[in-house]
mmCIF file of all heavy atoms, coordinates in Angstrom:
data_MODEL
# 
_entry.id   MODEL 
# 
loop_
_atom_site.group_PDB 
_atom_site.id 
_atom_site.type_symbol 
_atom_site.label_atom_id 
_atom_site.label_alt_id 
_atom_site.label_comp_id 
_atom_site.label_asym_id 
_atom_site.label_entity_id 
_atom_site.label_seq_id 
_atom_site.pdbx_PDB_ins_code 
_atom_site.Cartn_x 
_atom_site.Cartn_y 
_atom_site.Cartn_z 
_atom_site.occupancy 
_atom_site.B_iso_or_equiv 
_atom_site.pdbx_formal_charge 
_atom_site.auth_seq_id 
_atom_site.auth_comp_id 
_atom_site.auth_asym_id 
_atom_site.auth_atom_id 
_atom_site.pdbx_PDB_model_num 
ATOM 1   N N   . ARG A 1 1  ? 0.827   -1.192 0.000  1.00 0.00 ? 1  ARG A N   1 
ATOM 2   C CA  . ARG A 1 1  ? 0.001   0.000  0.000  1.00 0.00 ? 1  ARG A CA  1 
ATOM 3   C C   . ARG A 1 1  ? 0.870   1.255  -0.001 1.00 0.00 ? 1  ARG A C   1 
ATOM 4   O O   . ARG A 1 1  ? 1.936   1.288  0.598  1.00 0.00 ? 1  ARG A O   1 
ATOM 5   C CB  . ARG A 1 1  ? -0.911  0.025  1.240  1.00 0.00 ? 1  ARG A CB  1 
ATOM 6   C CG  . ARG A 1 1  ? -1.852  -1.159 1.324  1.00 0.00 ? 1  ARG A CG  1 
ATOM 7   C CD  . ARG A 1 1  ? -2.851  -1.145 0.184  1.00 0.00 ? 1  ARG A CD  1 
ATOM 8   N NE  . ARG A 1 1  ? -3.767  -0.011 0.294  1.00 0.00 ? 1  ARG A NE  1 
ATOM 9   C CZ  . ARG A 1 1  ? -4.444  0.502  -0.724 1.00 0.00 ? 1  ARG A CZ  1 
ATOM 10  N NH1 . ARG A 1 1  ? -4.290  0.008  -1.948 1.00 0.00 ? 1  ARG A NH1 1 
ATOM 11  N NH2 . ARG A 1 1  ? -5.271  1.515  -0.539 1.00 0.00 ? 1  ARG A NH2 1 
ATOM 12  N N   . PRO A 1 2  ? 0.417   2.331  -0.637 1.00 0.00 ? 2  PRO A N   1 
ATOM 13  C CA  . PRO A 1 2  ? 1.194   3.572  -0.646 1.00 0.00 ? 2  PRO A CA  1 
ATOM 14  C C   . PRO A 1 2  ? 1.388   4.123  0.763  1.00 0.00 ? 2  PRO A C   1 
ATOM 15  O O   . PRO A 1 2  ? 0.474   4.075  1.595  1.00 0.00 ? 2  PRO A O   1 
ATOM 16  C CB  . PRO A 1 2  ? 0.336   4.518  -1.493 1.00 0.00 ? 2  PRO A CB  1 
ATOM 17  C CG  . PRO A 1 2  ? -0.533  3.623  -2.314 1.00 0.00 ? 2  PRO A CG  1 
ATOM 18  C CD  . PRO A 1 2  ? -0.811  2.427  -1.466 1.00 0.00 ? 2  PRO A CD  1 
ATOM 19  N N   . PHE A 1 3  ? 2.574   4.655  1.016  1.00 0.00 ? 3  PHE A N   1 
ATOM 20  C CA  . PHE A 1 3  ? 2.861   5.335  2.276  1.00 0.00 ? 3  PHE A CA  1 
ATOM 21  C C   . PHE A 1 3  ? 2.121   6.669  2.307  1.00 0.00 ? 3  PHE A C   1 
ATOM 22  O O   . PHE A 1 3  ? 2.055   7.373  1.299  1.00 0.00 ? 3  PHE A O   1 
ATOM 23  C CB  . PHE A 1 3  ? 4.370   5.576  2.392  1.00 0.00 ? 3  PHE A CB  1 
ATOM 24  C CG  . PHE A 1 3  ? 4.785   6.415  3.571  1.00 0.00 ? 3  PHE A CG  1 
ATOM 25  C CD1 . PHE A 1 3  ? 4.687   5.916  4.857  1.00 0.00 ? 3  PHE A CD1 1 
ATOM 26  C CD2 . PHE A 1 3  ? 5.278   7.702  3.389  1.00 0.00 ? 3  PHE A CD2 1 
ATOM 27  C CE1 . PHE A 1 3  ? 5.074   6.692  5.956  1.00 0.00 ? 3  PHE A CE1 1 
ATOM 28  C CE2 . PHE A 1 3  ? 5.667   8.479  4.473  1.00 0.00 ? 3  PHE A CE2 1 
ATOM 29  C CZ  . PHE A 1 3  ? 5.566   7.965  5.764  1.00 0.00 ? 3  PHE A CZ  1 
ATOM 30  N N   . ILE A 1 4  ? 1.560   6.994  3.467  1.00 0.00 ? 4  ILE A N   1 
ATOM 31  C CA  . ILE A 1 4  ? 0.857   8.263  3.631  1.00 0.00 ? 4  ILE A CA  1 
ATOM 32  C C   . ILE A 1 4  ? 1.429   9.001  4.837  1.00 0.00 ? 4  ILE A C   1 
ATOM 33  O O   . ILE A 1 4  ? 1.531   8.430  5.930  1.00 0.00 ? 4  ILE A O   1 
ATOM 34  C CB  . ILE A 1 4  ? -0.658  8.055  3.861  1.00 0.00 ? 4  ILE A CB  1 
ATOM 35  C CG1 . ILE A 1 4  ? -1.331  7.442  2.630  1.00 0.00 ? 4  ILE A CG1 1 
ATOM 36  C CG2 . ILE A 1 4  ? -1.337  9.367  4.240  1.00 0.00 ? 4  ILE A CG2 1 
ATOM 37  C CD1 . ILE A 1 4  ? -1.486  8.386  1.453  1.00 0.00 ? 4  ILE A CD1 1 
ATOM 38  N N   . THR A 1 5  ? 1.825   10.259 4.642  1.00 0.00 ? 5  THR A N   1 
ATOM 39  C CA  . THR A 1 5  ? 2.077   11.135 5.769  1.00 0.00 ? 5  THR A CA  1 
ATOM 40  C C   . THR A 1 5  ? 1.235   12.383 5.574  1.00 0.00 ? 5  THR A C   1 
ATOM 41  O O   . THR A 1 5  ? 1.081   12.873 4.447  1.00 0.00 ? 5  THR A O   1 
ATOM 42  C CB  . THR A 1 5  ? 3.574   11.455 5.951  1.00 0.00 ? 5  THR A CB  1 
ATOM 43  O OG1 . THR A 1 5  ? 3.775   11.996 7.267  1.00 0.00 ? 5  THR A OG1 1 
ATOM 44  C CG2 . THR A 1 5  ? 4.093   12.435 4.909  1.00 0.00 ? 5  THR A CG2 1 
ATOM 45  N N   . GLN A 1 6  ? 0.654   12.873 6.665  1.00 0.00 ? 6  GLN A N   1 
ATOM 46  C CA  . GLN A 1 6  ? -0.372  13.902 6.577  1.00 0.00 ? 6  GLN A CA  1 
ATOM 47  C C   . GLN A 1 6  ? 0.045   15.146 7.357  1.00 0.00 ? 6  GLN A C   1 
ATOM 48  O O   . GLN A 1 6  ? 0.413   15.064 8.527  1.00 0.00 ? 6  GLN A O   1 
ATOM 49  C CB  . GLN A 1 6  ? -1.686  13.349 7.143  1.00 0.00 ? 6  GLN A CB  1 
ATOM 50  C CG  . GLN A 1 6  ? -2.140  12.088 6.413  1.00 0.00 ? 6  GLN A CG  1 
ATOM 51  C CD  . GLN A 1 6  ? -3.183  11.311 7.208  1.00 0.00 ? 6  GLN A CD  1 
ATOM 52  O OE1 . GLN A 1 6  ? -4.358  11.358 6.892  1.00 0.00 ? 6  GLN A OE1 1 
ATOM 53  N NE2 . GLN A 1 6  ? -2.756  10.608 8.233  1.00 0.00 ? 6  GLN A NE2 1 
ATOM 54  N N   . GLU A 1 7  ? -0.018  16.302 6.697  1.00 0.00 ? 7  GLU A N   1 
ATOM 55  C CA  . GLU A 1 7  ? 0.328   17.553 7.364  1.00 0.00 ? 7  GLU A CA  1 
ATOM 56  C C   . GLU A 1 7  ? -0.811  17.975 8.289  1.00 0.00 ? 7  GLU A C   1 
ATOM 57  O O   . GLU A 1 7  ? -1.872  18.400 7.838  1.00 0.00 ? 7  GLU A O   1 
ATOM 58  C CB  . GLU A 1 7  ? 0.599   18.664 6.347  1.00 0.00 ? 7  GLU A CB  1 
ATOM 59  C CG  . GLU A 1 7  ? 1.069   19.946 7.028  1.00 0.00 ? 7  GLU A CG  1 
ATOM 60  C CD  . GLU A 1 7  ? 0.799   21.204 6.231  1.00 0.00 ? 7  GLU A CD  1 
ATOM 61  O OE1 . GLU A 1 7  ? -0.096  21.192 5.353  1.00 0.00 ? 7  GLU A OE1 1 
ATOM 62  O OE2 . GLU A 1 7  ? 1.473   22.218 6.490  1.00 0.00 ? 7  GLU A OE2 1 
ATOM 63  N N   . VAL A 1 8  ? -0.569  17.841 9.589  1.00 0.00 ? 8  VAL A N   1 
ATOM 64  C CA  . VAL A 1 8  ? -1.507  18.326 10.601 1.00 0.00 ? 8  VAL A CA  1 
ATOM 65  C C   . VAL A 1 8  ? -0.692  19.161 11.587 1.00 0.00 ? 8  VAL A C   1 
ATOM 66  O O   . VAL A 1 8  ? 0.095   18.624 12.355 1.00 0.00 ? 8  VAL A O   1 
ATOM 67  C CB  . VAL A 1 8  ? -2.204  17.167 11.342 1.00 0.00 ? 8  VAL A CB  1 
ATOM 68  C CG1 . VAL A 1 8  ? -3.191  17.738 12.373 1.00 0.00 ? 8  VAL A CG1 1 
ATOM 69  C CG2 . VAL A 1 8  ? -2.926  16.246 10.367 1.00 0.00 ? 8  VAL A CG2 1 
ATOM 70  N N   . ILE A 1 9  ? -0.853  20.457 11.525 1.00 0.00 ? 9  ILE A N   1 
ATOM 71  C CA  . ILE A 1 9  ? -0.135  21.341 12.445 1.00 0.00 ? 9  ILE A CA  1 
ATOM 72  C C   . ILE A 1 9  ? -0.851  21.306 13.793 1.00 0.00 ? 9  ILE A C   1 
ATOM 73  O O   . ILE A 1 9  ? -1.997  21.735 13.903 1.00 0.00 ? 9  ILE A O   1 
ATOM 74  C CB  . ILE A 1 9  ? -0.069  22.775 11.897 1.00 0.00 ? 9  ILE A CB  1 
ATOM 75  C CG1 . ILE A 1 9  ? 0.688   22.793 10.561 1.00 0.00 ? 9  ILE A CG1 1 
ATOM 76  C CG2 . ILE A 1 9  ? 0.595   23.702 12.899 1.00 0.00 ? 9  ILE A CG2 1 
ATOM 77  C CD1 . ILE A 1 9  ? 0.676   24.136 9.871  1.00 0.00 ? 9  ILE A CD1 1 
ATOM 78  N N   . ASP A 1 10 ? -0.169  20.753 14.791 1.00 0.00 ? 10 ASP A N   1 
ATOM 79  C CA  . ASP A 1 10 ? -0.777  20.576 16.103 1.00 0.00 ? 10 ASP A CA  1 
ATOM 80  C C   . ASP A 1 10 ? 0.300   20.728 17.170 1.00 0.00 ? 10 ASP A C   1 
ATOM 81  O O   . ASP A 1 10 ? 1.082   19.812 17.409 1.00 0.00 ? 10 ASP A O   1 
ATOM 82  C CB  . ASP A 1 10 ? -1.446  19.202 16.201 1.00 0.00 ? 10 ASP A CB  1 
ATOM 83  C CG  . ASP A 1 10 ? -2.049  18.931 17.564 1.00 0.00 ? 10 ASP A CG  1 
ATOM 84  O OD1 . ASP A 1 10 ? -2.162  19.874 18.359 1.00 0.00 ? 10 ASP A OD1 1 
ATOM 85  O OD2 . ASP A 1 10 ? -2.402  17.760 17.826 1.00 0.00 ? 10 ASP A OD2 1 
ATOM 86  N N   . LEU A 1 11 ? 0.336   21.891 17.803 1.00 0.00 ? 11 LEU A N   1 
ATOM 87  C CA  . LEU A 1 11 ? 1.235   22.111 18.935 1.00 0.00 ? 11 LEU A CA  1 
ATOM 88  C C   . LEU A 1 11 ? 0.506   21.948 20.260 1.00 0.00 ? 11 LEU A C   1 
ATOM 89  O O   . LEU A 1 11 ? 1.055   22.230 21.325 1.00 0.00 ? 11 LEU A O   1 
ATOM 90  C CB  . LEU A 1 11 ? 1.867   23.510 18.856 1.00 0.00 ? 11 LEU A CB  1 
ATOM 91  C CG  . LEU A 1 11 ? 2.776   23.761 17.656 1.00 0.00 ? 11 LEU A CG  1 
ATOM 92  C CD1 . LEU A 1 11 ? 3.328   25.177 17.696 1.00 0.00 ? 11 LEU A CD1 1 
ATOM 93  C CD2 . LEU A 1 11 ? 3.912   22.753 17.605 1.00 0.00 ? 11 LEU A CD2 1 
ATOM 94  N N   . GLY A 1 12 ? -0.738  21.481 20.186 1.00 0.00 ? 12 GLY A N   1 
ATOM 95  C CA  . GLY A 1 12 ? -1.547  21.319 21.384 1.00 0.00 ? 12 GLY A CA  1 
ATOM 96  C C   . GLY A 1 12 ? -2.510  22.465 21.564 1.00 0.00 ? 12 GLY A C   1 
ATOM 97  O O   . GLY A 1 12 ? -2.228  23.608 21.203 1.00 0.00 ? 12 GLY A O   1 
ATOM 98  N N   . GLY A 1 13 ? -3.711  22.151 22.067 1.00 0.00 ? 13 GLY A N   1 
ATOM 99  C CA  . GLY A 1 13 ? -4.656  23.206 22.403 1.00 0.00 ? 13 GLY A CA  1 
ATOM 100 C C   . GLY A 1 13 ? -5.573  23.645 21.287 1.00 0.00 ? 13 GLY A C   1 
ATOM 101 O O   . GLY A 1 13 ? -6.365  24.575 21.480 1.00 0.00 ? 13 GLY A O   1 
ATOM 102 N N   . GLU A 1 14 ? -5.472  23.001 20.113 1.00 0.00 ? 14 GLU A N   1 
ATOM 103 C CA  . GLU A 1 14 ? -6.373  23.375 19.016 1.00 0.00 ? 14 GLU A CA  1 
ATOM 104 C C   . GLU A 1 14 ? -7.550  22.408 18.940 1.00 0.00 ? 14 GLU A C   1 
ATOM 105 O O   . GLU A 1 14 ? -7.521  21.306 19.502 1.00 0.00 ? 14 GLU A O   1 
ATOM 106 C CB  . GLU A 1 14 ? -5.607  23.388 17.693 1.00 0.00 ? 14 GLU A CB  1 
ATOM 107 C CG  . GLU A 1 14 ? -4.630  24.548 17.569 1.00 0.00 ? 14 GLU A CG  1 
ATOM 108 C CD  . GLU A 1 14 ? -4.194  24.804 16.137 1.00 0.00 ? 14 GLU A CD  1 
ATOM 109 O OE1 . GLU A 1 14 ? -4.990  24.554 15.218 1.00 0.00 ? 14 GLU A OE1 1 
ATOM 110 O OE2 . GLU A 1 14 ? -3.058  25.255 15.950 1.00 0.00 ? 14 GLU A OE2 1 
ATOM 111 N N   . ALA A 1 15 ? -8.565  22.815 18.225 1.00 0.00 ? 15 ALA A N   1 
ATOM 112 C CA  . ALA A 1 15 ? -9.787  22.006 18.152 1.00 0.00 ? 15 ALA A CA  1 
ATOM 113 C C   . ALA A 1 15 ? -9.579  20.733 17.347 1.00 0.00 ? 15 ALA A C   1 
ATOM 114 O O   . ALA A 1 15 ? -10.279 19.742 17.564 1.00 0.00 ? 15 ALA A O   1 
ATOM 115 C CB  . ALA A 1 15 ? -10.912 22.841 17.540 1.00 0.00 ? 15 ALA A CB  1 
ATOM 116 N N   . ILE A 1 16 ? -8.641  20.760 16.401 1.00 0.00 ? 16 ILE A N   1 
ATOM 117 C CA  . ILE A 1 16 ? -8.368  19.587 15.565 1.00 0.00 ? 16 ILE A CA  1 
ATOM 118 C C   . ILE A 1 16 ? -6.967  19.101 15.902 1.00 0.00 ? 16 ILE A C   1 
ATOM 119 O O   . ILE A 1 16 ? -5.995  19.858 15.814 1.00 0.00 ? 16 ILE A O   1 
ATOM 120 C CB  . ILE A 1 16 ? -8.482  19.929 14.078 1.00 0.00 ? 16 ILE A CB  1 
ATOM 121 C CG1 . ILE A 1 16 ? -9.919  20.347 13.736 1.00 0.00 ? 16 ILE A CG1 1 
ATOM 122 C CG2 . ILE A 1 16 ? -8.057  18.740 13.217 1.00 0.00 ? 16 ILE A CG2 1 
ATOM 123 C CD1 . ILE A 1 16 ? -10.092 20.842 12.314 1.00 0.00 ? 16 ILE A CD1 1 
ATOM 124 N N   . GLY A 1 17 ? -6.858  17.835 16.277 1.00 0.00 ? 17 GLY A N   1 
ATOM 125 C CA  . GLY A 1 17 ? -5.583  17.276 16.707 1.00 0.00 ? 17 GLY A CA  1 
ATOM 126 C C   . GLY A 1 17 ? -5.054  16.216 15.770 1.00 0.00 ? 17 GLY A C   1 
ATOM 127 O O   . GLY A 1 17 ? -5.788  15.614 14.988 1.00 0.00 ? 17 GLY A O   1 
ATOM 128 N N   . LYS A 1 18 ? -3.760  15.969 15.885 1.00 0.00 ? 18 LYS A N   1 
ATOM 129 C CA  . LYS A 1 18 ? -3.076  15.000 15.023 1.00 0.00 ? 18 LYS A CA  1 
ATOM 130 C C   . LYS A 1 18 ? -3.621  13.587 15.190 1.00 0.00 ? 18 LYS A C   1 
ATOM 131 O O   . LYS A 1 18 ? -3.637  12.803 14.239 1.00 0.00 ? 18 LYS A O   1 
ATOM 132 C CB  . LYS A 1 18 ? -1.579  15.034 15.319 1.00 0.00 ? 18 LYS A CB  1 
ATOM 133 C CG  . LYS A 1 18 ? -1.225  14.745 16.776 1.00 0.00 ? 18 LYS A CG  1 
ATOM 134 C CD  . LYS A 1 18 ? 0.179   15.176 17.115 1.00 0.00 ? 18 LYS A CD  1 
ATOM 135 C CE  . LYS A 1 18 ? 0.478   15.016 18.610 1.00 0.00 ? 18 LYS A CE  1 
ATOM 136 N NZ  . LYS A 1 18 ? 1.772   15.587 18.989 1.00 0.00 ? 18 LYS A NZ  1 
ATOM 137 N N   . ASN A 1 19 ? -4.104  13.261 16.397 1.00 0.00 ? 19 ASN A N   1 
ATOM 138 C CA  . ASN A 1 19 ? -4.567  11.898 16.649 1.00 0.00 ? 19 ASN A CA  1 
ATOM 139 C C   . ASN A 1 19 ? -5.852  11.557 15.897 1.00 0.00 ? 19 ASN A C   1 
ATOM 140 O O   . ASN A 1 19 ? -6.210  10.380 15.796 1.00 0.00 ? 19 ASN A O   1 
ATOM 141 C CB  . ASN A 1 19 ? -4.765  11.676 18.144 1.00 0.00 ? 19 ASN A CB  1 
ATOM 142 C CG  . ASN A 1 19 ? -3.438  11.651 18.900 1.00 0.00 ? 19 ASN A CG  1 
ATOM 143 O OD1 . ASN A 1 19 ? -2.581  10.830 18.608 1.00 0.00 ? 19 ASN A OD1 1 
ATOM 144 N ND2 . ASN A 1 19 ? -3.266  12.565 19.847 1.00 0.00 ? 19 ASN A ND2 1 
ATOM 145 N N   . GLU A 1 20 ? -6.527  12.566 15.367 1.00 0.00 ? 20 GLU A N   1 
ATOM 146 C CA  . GLU A 1 20 ? -7.737  12.297 14.595 1.00 0.00 ? 20 GLU A CA  1 
ATOM 147 C C   . GLU A 1 20 ? -7.429  11.676 13.235 1.00 0.00 ? 20 GLU A C   1 
ATOM 148 O O   . GLU A 1 20 ? -8.338  11.209 12.549 1.00 0.00 ? 20 GLU A O   1 
ATOM 149 C CB  . GLU A 1 20 ? -8.525  13.592 14.397 1.00 0.00 ? 20 GLU A CB  1 
ATOM 150 C CG  . GLU A 1 20 ? -9.050  14.196 15.693 1.00 0.00 ? 20 GLU A CG  1 
ATOM 151 C CD  . GLU A 1 20 ? -9.867  15.454 15.447 1.00 0.00 ? 20 GLU A CD  1 
ATOM 152 O OE1 . GLU A 1 20 ? -10.786 15.404 14.600 1.00 0.00 ? 20 GLU A OE1 1 
ATOM 153 O OE2 . GLU A 1 20 ? -9.581  16.492 16.083 1.00 0.00 ? 20 GLU A OE2 1 
ATOM 154 N N   . TYR A 1 21 ? -6.144  11.679 12.849 1.00 0.00 ? 21 TYR A N   1 
ATOM 155 C CA  . TYR A 1 21 ? -5.779  11.194 11.508 1.00 0.00 ? 21 TYR A CA  1 
ATOM 156 C C   . TYR A 1 21 ? -4.812  10.017 11.536 1.00 0.00 ? 21 TYR A C   1 
ATOM 157 O O   . TYR A 1 21 ? -4.437  9.509  10.476 1.00 0.00 ? 21 TYR A O   1 
ATOM 158 C CB  . TYR A 1 21 ? -5.154  12.348 10.710 1.00 0.00 ? 21 TYR A CB  1 
ATOM 159 C CG  . TYR A 1 21 ? -6.116  13.473 10.442 1.00 0.00 ? 21 TYR A CG  1 
ATOM 160 C CD1 . TYR A 1 21 ? -6.242  14.538 11.331 1.00 0.00 ? 21 TYR A CD1 1 
ATOM 161 C CD2 . TYR A 1 21 ? -6.936  13.471 9.310  1.00 0.00 ? 21 TYR A CD2 1 
ATOM 162 C CE1 . TYR A 1 21 ? -7.135  15.569 11.104 1.00 0.00 ? 21 TYR A CE1 1 
ATOM 163 C CE2 . TYR A 1 21 ? -7.835  14.502 9.071  1.00 0.00 ? 21 TYR A CE2 1 
ATOM 164 C CZ  . TYR A 1 21 ? -7.931  15.553 9.975  1.00 0.00 ? 21 TYR A CZ  1 
ATOM 165 O OH  . TYR A 1 21 ? -8.818  16.577 9.742  1.00 0.00 ? 21 TYR A OH  1 
ATOM 166 N N   . THR A 1 22 ? -4.404  9.559  12.732 1.00 0.00 ? 22 THR A N   1 
ATOM 167 C CA  . THR A 1 22 ? -3.369  8.524  12.787 1.00 0.00 ? 22 THR A CA  1 
ATOM 168 C C   . THR A 1 22 ? -3.864  7.154  12.334 1.00 0.00 ? 22 THR A C   1 
ATOM 169 O O   . THR A 1 22 ? -3.038  6.290  12.018 1.00 0.00 ? 22 THR A O   1 
ATOM 170 C CB  . THR A 1 22 ? -2.800  8.411  14.209 1.00 0.00 ? 22 THR A CB  1 
ATOM 171 O OG1 . THR A 1 22 ? -3.884  8.263  15.148 1.00 0.00 ? 22 THR A OG1 1 
ATOM 172 C CG2 . THR A 1 22 ? -1.995  9.650  14.574 1.00 0.00 ? 22 THR A CG2 1 
ATOM 173 N N   . HIS A 1 23 ? -5.171  6.943  12.307 1.00 0.00 ? 23 HIS A N   1 
ATOM 174 C CA  . HIS A 1 23 ? -5.666  5.659  11.791 1.00 0.00 ? 23 HIS A CA  1 
ATOM 175 C C   . HIS A 1 23 ? -5.543  5.582  10.266 1.00 0.00 ? 23 HIS A C   1 
ATOM 176 O O   . HIS A 1 23 ? -5.665  4.491  9.688  1.00 0.00 ? 23 HIS A O   1 
ATOM 177 C CB  . HIS A 1 23 ? -7.126  5.439  12.204 1.00 0.00 ? 23 HIS A CB  1 
ATOM 178 C CG  . HIS A 1 23 ? -8.085  6.440  11.643 1.00 0.00 ? 23 HIS A CG  1 
ATOM 179 N ND1 . HIS A 1 23 ? -8.055  7.787  11.995 1.00 0.00 ? 23 HIS A ND1 1 
ATOM 180 C CD2 . HIS A 1 23 ? -9.113  6.303  10.754 1.00 0.00 ? 23 HIS A CD2 1 
ATOM 181 C CE1 . HIS A 1 23 ? -9.022  8.424  11.356 1.00 0.00 ? 23 HIS A CE1 1 
ATOM 182 N NE2 . HIS A 1 23 ? -9.671  7.553  10.595 1.00 0.00 ? 23 HIS A NE2 1 
ATOM 183 N N   . LEU A 1 24 ? -5.272  6.716  9.631  1.00 0.00 ? 24 LEU A N   1 
ATOM 184 C CA  . LEU A 1 24 ? -5.199  6.764  8.173  1.00 0.00 ? 24 LEU A CA  1 
ATOM 185 C C   . LEU A 1 24 ? -3.769  6.682  7.648  1.00 0.00 ? 24 LEU A C   1 
ATOM 186 O O   . LEU A 1 24 ? -3.547  6.333  6.491  1.00 0.00 ? 24 LEU A O   1 
ATOM 187 C CB  . LEU A 1 24 ? -5.824  8.068  7.667  1.00 0.00 ? 24 LEU A CB  1 
ATOM 188 C CG  . LEU A 1 24 ? -7.287  8.311  8.043  1.00 0.00 ? 24 LEU A CG  1 
ATOM 189 C CD1 . LEU A 1 24 ? -7.723  9.702  7.609  1.00 0.00 ? 24 LEU A CD1 1 
ATOM 190 C CD2 . LEU A 1 24 ? -8.172  7.242  7.418  1.00 0.00 ? 24 LEU A CD2 1 
ATOM 191 N N   . GLY A 1 25 ? -2.797  7.049  8.479  1.00 0.00 ? 25 GLY A N   1 
ATOM 192 C CA  . GLY A 1 25 ? -1.412  7.076  8.046  1.00 0.00 ? 25 GLY A CA  1 
ATOM 193 C C   . GLY A 1 25 ? -0.584  7.829  9.066  1.00 0.00 ? 25 GLY A C   1 
ATOM 194 O O   . GLY A 1 25 ? -1.074  8.241  10.129 1.00 0.00 ? 25 GLY A O   1 
ATOM 195 N N   . THR A 1 26 ? 0.676   8.049  8.752  1.00 0.00 ? 26 THR A N   1 
ATOM 196 C CA  . THR A 1 26 ? 1.533   8.813  9.646  1.00 0.00 ? 26 THR A CA  1 
ATOM 197 C C   . THR A 1 26 ? 1.155   10.288 9.592  1.00 0.00 ? 26 THR A C   1 
ATOM 198 O O   . THR A 1 26 ? 0.420   10.727 8.690  1.00 0.00 ? 26 THR A O   1 
ATOM 199 C CB  . THR A 1 26 ? 3.013   8.633  9.279  1.00 0.00 ? 26 THR A CB  1 
ATOM 200 O OG1 . THR A 1 26 ? 3.267   9.254  8.018  1.00 0.00 ? 26 THR A OG1 1 
ATOM 201 C CG2 . THR A 1 26 ? 3.386   7.153  9.198  1.00 0.00 ? 26 THR A CG2 1 
ATOM 202 N N   . VAL A 1 27 ? 1.673   11.055 10.552 1.00 0.00 ? 27 VAL A N   1 
ATOM 203 C CA  . VAL A 1 27 ? 1.341   12.476 10.643 1.00 0.00 ? 27 VAL A CA  1 
ATOM 204 C C   . VAL A 1 27 ? 2.620   13.265 10.908 1.00 0.00 ? 27 VAL A C   1 
ATOM 205 O O   . VAL A 1 27 ? 3.509   12.811 11.639 1.00 0.00 ? 27 VAL A O   1 
ATOM 206 C CB  . VAL A 1 27 ? 0.307   12.729 11.765 1.00 0.00 ? 27 VAL A CB  1 
ATOM 207 C CG1 . VAL A 1 27 ? 0.064   14.222 11.955 1.00 0.00 ? 27 VAL A CG1 1 
ATOM 208 C CG2 . VAL A 1 27 ? -1.012  12.017 11.450 1.00 0.00 ? 27 VAL A CG2 1 
ATOM 209 N N   . THR A 1 28 ? 2.714   14.439 10.330 1.00 0.00 ? 28 THR A N   1 
ATOM 210 C CA  . THR A 1 28 ? 3.860   15.322 10.557 1.00 0.00 ? 28 THR A CA  1 
ATOM 211 C C   . THR A 1 28 ? 3.856   15.804 12.003 1.00 0.00 ? 28 THR A C   1 
ATOM 212 O O   . THR A 1 28 ? 2.881   16.398 12.456 1.00 0.00 ? 28 THR A O   1 
ATOM 213 C CB  . THR A 1 28 ? 3.807   16.522 9.601  1.00 0.00 ? 28 THR A CB  1 
ATOM 214 O OG1 . THR A 1 28 ? 2.523   17.140 9.700  1.00 0.00 ? 28 THR A OG1 1 
ATOM 215 C CG2 . THR A 1 28 ? 4.039   16.087 8.163  1.00 0.00 ? 28 THR A CG2 1 
ATOM 216 N N   . GLU A 1 29 ? 4.949   15.547 12.727 1.00 0.00 ? 29 GLU A N   1 
ATOM 217 C CA  . GLU A 1 29 ? 5.014   15.881 14.149 1.00 0.00 ? 29 GLU A CA  1 
ATOM 218 C C   . GLU A 1 29 ? 5.653   17.257 14.344 1.00 0.00 ? 29 GLU A C   1 
ATOM 219 O O   . GLU A 1 29 ? 6.871   17.387 14.491 1.00 0.00 ? 29 GLU A O   1 
ATOM 220 C CB  . GLU A 1 29 ? 5.780   14.795 14.903 1.00 0.00 ? 29 GLU A CB  1 
ATOM 221 C CG  . GLU A 1 29 ? 5.850   14.978 16.406 1.00 0.00 ? 29 GLU A CG  1 
ATOM 222 C CD  . GLU A 1 29 ? 4.509   15.259 17.061 1.00 0.00 ? 29 GLU A CD  1 
ATOM 223 O OE1 . GLU A 1 29 ? 4.160   16.454 17.140 1.00 0.00 ? 29 GLU A OE1 1 
ATOM 224 O OE2 . GLU A 1 29 ? 3.833   14.300 17.489 1.00 0.00 ? 29 GLU A OE2 1 
ATOM 225 N N   . PHE A 1 30 ? 4.814   18.298 14.317 1.00 0.00 ? 30 PHE A N   1 
ATOM 226 C CA  . PHE A 1 30 ? 5.316   19.668 14.409 1.00 0.00 ? 30 PHE A CA  1 
ATOM 227 C C   . PHE A 1 30 ? 5.865   20.001 15.795 1.00 0.00 ? 30 PHE A C   1 
ATOM 228 O O   . PHE A 1 30 ? 6.718   20.878 15.938 1.00 0.00 ? 30 PHE A O   1 
ATOM 229 C CB  . PHE A 1 30 ? 4.219   20.664 14.025 1.00 0.00 ? 30 PHE A CB  1 
ATOM 230 C CG  . PHE A 1 30 ? 4.104   20.875 12.540 1.00 0.00 ? 30 PHE A CG  1 
ATOM 231 C CD1 . PHE A 1 30 ? 3.343   20.027 11.752 1.00 0.00 ? 30 PHE A CD1 1 
ATOM 232 C CD2 . PHE A 1 30 ? 4.774   21.924 11.921 1.00 0.00 ? 30 PHE A CD2 1 
ATOM 233 C CE1 . PHE A 1 30 ? 3.247   20.215 10.382 1.00 0.00 ? 30 PHE A CE1 1 
ATOM 234 C CE2 . PHE A 1 30 ? 4.689   22.118 10.549 1.00 0.00 ? 30 PHE A CE2 1 
ATOM 235 C CZ  . PHE A 1 30 ? 3.926   21.257 9.772  1.00 0.00 ? 30 PHE A CZ  1 
# 
C-alpha cells in the first residue's frame, strides 16, 4: 500500500488534533 504522511499542524490546544488522523497514516510531528 502507498505510504501516507499527513500535514496536521498541532502544537496542542487546538480544536483539531493529530490523533484524529493517525488511523489513516503517519502524521507530521510539528
